[in-house]
Structure formats: C-alpha cells, structure tokens
C-alpha atoms as a PDB file:
ATOM      1  CA  MET A   1     128.268 106.734  64.509  1.00  0.00           C
ATOM      2  CA  ASN A   2     124.838 105.770  63.193  1.00  0.00           C
ATOM      3  CA  LEU A   3     124.809 102.588  65.285  1.00  0.00           C
ATOM      4  CA  LYS A   4     125.655 104.588  68.422  1.00  0.00           C
ATOM      5  CA  ILE A   5     122.712 106.920  67.802  1.00  0.00           C
ATOM      6  CA  HIS A   6     120.349 103.962  67.427  1.00  0.00           C
ATOM      7  CA  ILE A   7     121.677 102.346  70.608  1.00  0.00           C
ATOM      8  CA  ASN A   8     121.218 105.594  72.547  1.00  0.00           C
ATOM      9  CA  PHE A   9     117.668 105.920  71.231  1.00  0.00           C
ATOM     10  CA  LEU A  10     116.896 102.316  72.123  1.00  0.00           C
ATOM     11  CA  GLU A  11     118.394 102.743  75.585  1.00  0.00           C
ATOM     12  CA  LYS A  12     116.273 105.823  76.298  1.00  0.00           C
ATOM     13  CA  TYR A  13     113.163 104.130  74.925  1.00  0.00           C
ATOM     14  CA  LEU A  14     113.661 101.049  77.094  1.00  0.00           C
ATOM     15  CA  ALA A  15     114.379 103.177  80.181  1.00  0.00           C
ATOM     16  CA  ASP A  16     111.164 105.163  79.622  1.00  0.00           C
ATOM     17  CA  PHE A  17     109.230 101.936  79.076  1.00  0.00           C
ATOM     18  CA  VAL A  18     110.525 100.360  82.305  1.00  0.00           C
ATOM     19  CA  ASN A  19     109.914 103.565  84.282  1.00  0.00           C
ATOM     20  CA  ASP A  20     106.357 103.715  82.957  1.00  0.00           C
ATOM     21  CA  ILE A  21     105.683 100.117  84.022  1.00  0.00           C
ATOM     22  CA  GLU A  22     107.171 100.731  87.479  1.00  0.00           C
ATOM     23  CA  TYR A  23     105.144 103.941  87.868  1.00  0.00           C
ATOM     24  CA  LYS A  24     101.907 102.176  86.963  1.00  0.00           C
ATOM     25  CA  THR A  25     102.671  99.288  89.329  1.00  0.00           C
ATOM     26  CA  ILE A  26     103.484 101.601  92.233  1.00  0.00           C
ATOM     27  CA  THR A  27     100.446 103.830  91.708  1.00  0.00           C
ATOM     28  CA  LYS A  28      98.182 100.770  91.501  1.00  0.00           C
ATOM     29  CA  LYS A  29      99.548  99.469  94.806  1.00  0.00           C
ATOM     30  CA  LEU A  30      99.169 102.897  96.422  1.00  0.00           C
ATOM     31  CA  LYS A  31      95.567 103.182  95.230  1.00  0.00           C
ATOM     32  CA  GLU A  32      94.805  99.770  96.726  1.00  0.00           C
ATOM     33  CA  TYR A  33      96.519 100.779  99.976  1.00  0.00           C
ATOM     34  CA  TYR A  34      94.632 104.094 100.185  1.00  0.00           C
ATOM     35  CA  LEU A  35      91.351 102.336  99.429  1.00  0.00           C
ATOM     36  CA  MET A  36      91.939  99.830 102.235  1.00  0.00           C
ATOM     37  CA  ALA A  37      92.985 102.625 104.604  1.00  0.00           C
ATOM     38  CA  ASP A  38      89.843 104.589 103.727  1.00  0.00           C
ATOM     39  CA  VAL A  39      87.633 101.564 104.397  1.00  0.00           C
ATOM     40  CA  ASP A  40      89.431 100.875 107.690  1.00  0.00           C
ATOM     41  CA  ASP A  41      88.944 104.513 108.689  1.00  0.00           C
ATOM     42  CA  GLN A  42      85.220 104.340 107.901  1.00  0.00           C
ATOM     43  CA  ILE A  43      84.857 101.112 109.898  1.00  0.00           C
ATOM     44  CA  PHE A  44      86.713 102.676 112.837  1.00  0.00           C
ATOM     45  CA  HIS A  45      84.413 105.718 112.851  1.00  0.00           C
ATOM     46  CA  HIS A  46      81.334 103.513 112.522  1.00  0.00           C
ATOM     47  CA  PHE A  47      82.144 101.343 115.537  1.00  0.00           C
ATOM     48  CA  CYS A  48      83.507 104.139 117.725  1.00  0.00           C
ATOM     49  CA  SER A  49      80.501 106.407 117.380  1.00  0.00           C
END
C-alpha cells in the first residue's frame, strides 16, 4: 500500500514536471512567433505608407 502511494505521487510529480517543460517550450515558441509577426507587420506598414 505504501509503495503504491509513493508511485502515485511520483507519477503525478513527473506528469506535472513534463507538462511544465512543454508549457514553457510552447510559450517560448509562441512569443518568438508573435515577435516576428509584429516586426513583419511594422515593416509592412512602413513600406506601404
């Protein structure tokens, strides 16, 4: 019984850890994408004016 509790705790901890890493990776990529899109939008407005 005690071993099962520790395994469940470890499983939840690892799942949270992996989700946190994936979340940080995805948000970093989205920030880079939005930054590039913002720069492209500024360039577009600059040359079309």
